[in-house]
Amino acid sequence: MEKAMLRNMMEKTGKKIEDWLVIINSNNFLKHGEIVKYLKSEYSLTHGYANLIARKYLANN
């Protein structure tokens, strides 16, 4: 499922995962919940995509 979401991310969100990671990095978030809340409120992402982006970001930092 994760692979499918990553494949479809550009179509569904307008950005690639790398773009989202840059956005999150520029905001210096430390907690998963903060990232999800931010993405949902500021970019109207679904919980699924916000959660995936948060997990990818935290796994790389």
N, C-alpha and C. Protein backbone atom coordinates (compact mmCIF):
# COMPACT_ATOMS: atom_id res chain seq x y z
N MET A 1 0.82 -1.20 0.00
CA MET A 1 0.00 0.00 0.00
C MET A 1 0.86 1.26 0.00
N GLU A 2 1.93 1.27 0.80
CA GLU A 2 2.81 2.43 0.87
C GLU A 2 3.42 2.73 -0.50
N LYS A 3 3.84 1.70 -1.21
CA LYS A 3 4.43 1.90 -2.53
C LYS A 3 3.43 2.54 -3.48
N ALA A 4 2.19 2.11 -3.43
CA ALA A 4 1.14 2.68 -4.28
C ALA A 4 0.91 4.15 -3.92
N MET A 5 0.90 4.45 -2.64
CA MET A 5 0.70 5.83 -2.22
C MET A 5 1.85 6.72 -2.69
N LEU A 6 3.08 6.21 -2.59
CA LEU A 6 4.22 6.98 -3.06
C LEU A 6 4.15 7.19 -4.57
N ARG A 7 3.73 6.16 -5.30
CA ARG A 7 3.59 6.26 -6.75
C ARG A 7 2.54 7.30 -7.13
N ASN A 8 1.47 7.37 -6.37
CA ASN A 8 0.36 8.26 -6.67
C ASN A 8 0.43 9.62 -5.98
N MET A 9 1.47 9.85 -5.20
CA MET A 9 1.54 11.05 -4.38
C MET A 9 1.48 12.33 -5.20
N MET A 10 2.20 12.41 -6.30
CA MET A 10 2.21 13.62 -7.12
C MET A 10 0.80 13.93 -7.63
N GLU A 11 0.11 12.91 -8.09
CA GLU A 11 -1.25 13.09 -8.62
C GLU A 11 -2.22 13.50 -7.52
N LYS A 12 -2.10 12.89 -6.35
CA LYS A 12 -3.06 13.12 -5.27
C LYS A 12 -2.78 14.38 -4.44
N THR A 13 -1.48 14.74 -4.31
CA THR A 13 -1.13 15.86 -3.43
C THR A 13 -0.51 17.04 -4.15
N GLY A 14 -0.07 16.84 -5.39
CA GLY A 14 0.56 17.91 -6.14
C GLY A 14 2.05 18.04 -5.92
N LYS A 15 2.60 17.16 -5.06
CA LYS A 15 4.03 17.20 -4.76
C LYS A 15 4.57 15.78 -4.62
N LYS A 16 5.87 15.63 -4.87
CA LYS A 16 6.55 14.35 -4.66
C LYS A 16 6.96 14.26 -3.19
N ILE A 17 7.27 13.06 -2.73
CA ILE A 17 7.67 12.87 -1.33
C ILE A 17 8.87 13.76 -0.98
N GLU A 18 9.80 13.90 -1.90
CA GLU A 18 10.98 14.73 -1.63
C GLU A 18 10.59 16.18 -1.35
N ASP A 19 9.59 16.68 -2.08
CA ASP A 19 9.11 18.04 -1.87
C ASP A 19 8.49 18.20 -0.48
N TRP A 20 7.70 17.21 -0.10
CA TRP A 20 7.07 17.26 1.22
C TRP A 20 8.12 17.21 2.33
N LEU A 21 9.16 16.41 2.15
CA LEU A 21 10.21 16.30 3.17
C LEU A 21 10.93 17.62 3.36
N VAL A 22 11.15 18.36 2.28
CA VAL A 22 11.77 19.68 2.37
C VAL A 22 10.87 20.64 3.16
N ILE A 23 9.58 20.60 2.88
CA ILE A 23 8.63 21.46 3.60
C ILE A 23 8.65 21.16 5.09
N ILE A 24 8.60 19.89 5.44
CA ILE A 24 8.61 19.51 6.86
C ILE A 24 9.93 19.90 7.50
N ASN A 25 11.03 19.67 6.81
CA ASN A 25 12.35 19.99 7.35
C ASN A 25 12.47 21.48 7.64
N SER A 26 11.90 22.32 6.81
CA SER A 26 12.01 23.77 7.00
C SER A 26 11.21 24.26 8.21
N ASN A 27 10.33 23.41 8.73
CA ASN A 27 9.53 23.79 9.89
C ASN A 27 10.05 23.20 11.19
N ASN A 28 11.07 22.37 11.13
CA ASN A 28 11.72 21.82 12.32
C ASN A 28 10.78 21.08 13.27
N PHE A 29 9.88 20.30 12.72
CA PHE A 29 8.99 19.49 13.56
C PHE A 29 9.76 18.31 14.14
N LEU A 30 9.39 17.92 15.34
CA LEU A 30 10.05 16.80 16.00
C LEU A 30 9.11 15.62 16.24
N LYS A 31 7.81 15.87 16.27
CA LYS A 31 6.85 14.82 16.63
C LYS A 31 5.94 14.48 15.46
N HIS A 32 5.63 13.21 15.37
CA HIS A 32 4.77 12.69 14.31
C HIS A 32 3.42 13.43 14.27
N GLY A 33 2.81 13.58 15.40
CA GLY A 33 1.50 14.22 15.48
C GLY A 33 1.52 15.67 15.01
N GLU A 34 2.60 16.38 15.31
CA GLU A 34 2.73 17.77 14.87
C GLU A 34 2.77 17.85 13.34
N ILE A 35 3.51 16.95 12.74
CA ILE A 35 3.64 16.93 11.28
C ILE A 35 2.30 16.63 10.63
N VAL A 36 1.63 15.60 11.12
CA VAL A 36 0.33 15.21 10.56
C VAL A 36 -0.67 16.36 10.68
N LYS A 37 -0.75 16.96 11.84
CA LYS A 37 -1.67 18.07 12.06
C LYS A 37 -1.37 19.23 11.11
N TYR A 38 -0.11 19.57 10.96
CA TYR A 38 0.30 20.66 10.08
C TYR A 38 -0.08 20.37 8.63
N LEU A 39 0.24 19.19 8.15
CA LEU A 39 -0.05 18.85 6.76
C LEU A 39 -1.56 18.83 6.48
N LYS A 40 -2.32 18.33 7.41
CA LYS A 40 -3.77 18.28 7.23
C LYS A 40 -4.38 19.68 7.27
N SER A 41 -3.91 20.53 8.16
CA SER A 41 -4.51 21.86 8.28
C SER A 41 -4.01 22.84 7.23
N GLU A 42 -2.73 22.80 6.92
CA GLU A 42 -2.16 23.77 5.98
C GLU A 42 -2.28 23.36 4.52
N TYR A 43 -2.31 22.07 4.25
CA TYR A 43 -2.32 21.59 2.86
C TYR A 43 -3.53 20.71 2.54
N SER A 44 -4.41 20.54 3.49
CA SER A 44 -5.64 19.74 3.31
C SER A 44 -5.35 18.32 2.83
N LEU A 45 -4.24 17.74 3.29
CA LEU A 45 -3.93 16.36 2.95
C LEU A 45 -4.83 15.42 3.73
N THR A 46 -5.05 14.26 3.16
CA THR A 46 -5.78 13.23 3.90
C THR A 46 -4.88 12.73 5.01
N HIS A 47 -5.49 12.09 5.98
CA HIS A 47 -4.71 11.54 7.09
C HIS A 47 -3.69 10.52 6.59
N GLY A 48 -4.07 9.72 5.62
CA GLY A 48 -3.17 8.70 5.10
C GLY A 48 -1.90 9.28 4.52
N TYR A 49 -2.03 10.29 3.68
CA TYR A 49 -0.84 10.90 3.08
C TYR A 49 -0.03 11.68 4.11
N ALA A 50 -0.70 12.39 4.99
CA ALA A 50 0.02 13.12 6.05
C ALA A 50 0.80 12.16 6.93
N ASN A 51 0.20 11.04 7.27
CA ASN A 51 0.84 10.04 8.10
C ASN A 51 2.06 9.45 7.38
N LEU A 52 1.92 9.13 6.12
CA LEU A 52 3.02 8.57 5.35
C LEU A 52 4.19 9.55 5.26
N ILE A 53 3.91 10.80 4.99
CA ILE A 53 4.96 11.82 4.90
C ILE A 53 5.66 11.96 6.25
N ALA A 54 4.90 12.00 7.33
CA ALA A 54 5.49 12.13 8.67
C ALA A 54 6.40 10.93 8.98
N ARG A 55 5.94 9.73 8.65
CA ARG A 55 6.75 8.53 8.92
C ARG A 55 8.04 8.56 8.12
N LYS A 56 7.96 8.95 6.85
CA LYS A 56 9.15 9.01 5.99
C LYS A 56 10.12 10.05 6.53
N TYR A 57 9.60 11.20 6.94
CA TYR A 57 10.46 12.26 7.45
C TYR A 57 11.18 11.81 8.72
N LEU A 58 10.45 11.27 9.66
CA LEU A 58 11.05 10.86 10.93
C LEU A 58 12.01 9.69 10.77
N ALA A 59 11.78 8.83 9.79
CA ALA A 59 12.68 7.70 9.54
C ALA A 59 14.03 8.18 9.00
N ASN A 60 14.03 9.34 8.34
CA ASN A 60 15.26 9.87 7.75
C ASN A 60 15.98 10.85 8.66
N ASN A 61 15.40 11.17 9.79
CA ASN A 61 16.02 12.16 10.70
C ASN A 61 16.21 11.61 12.08
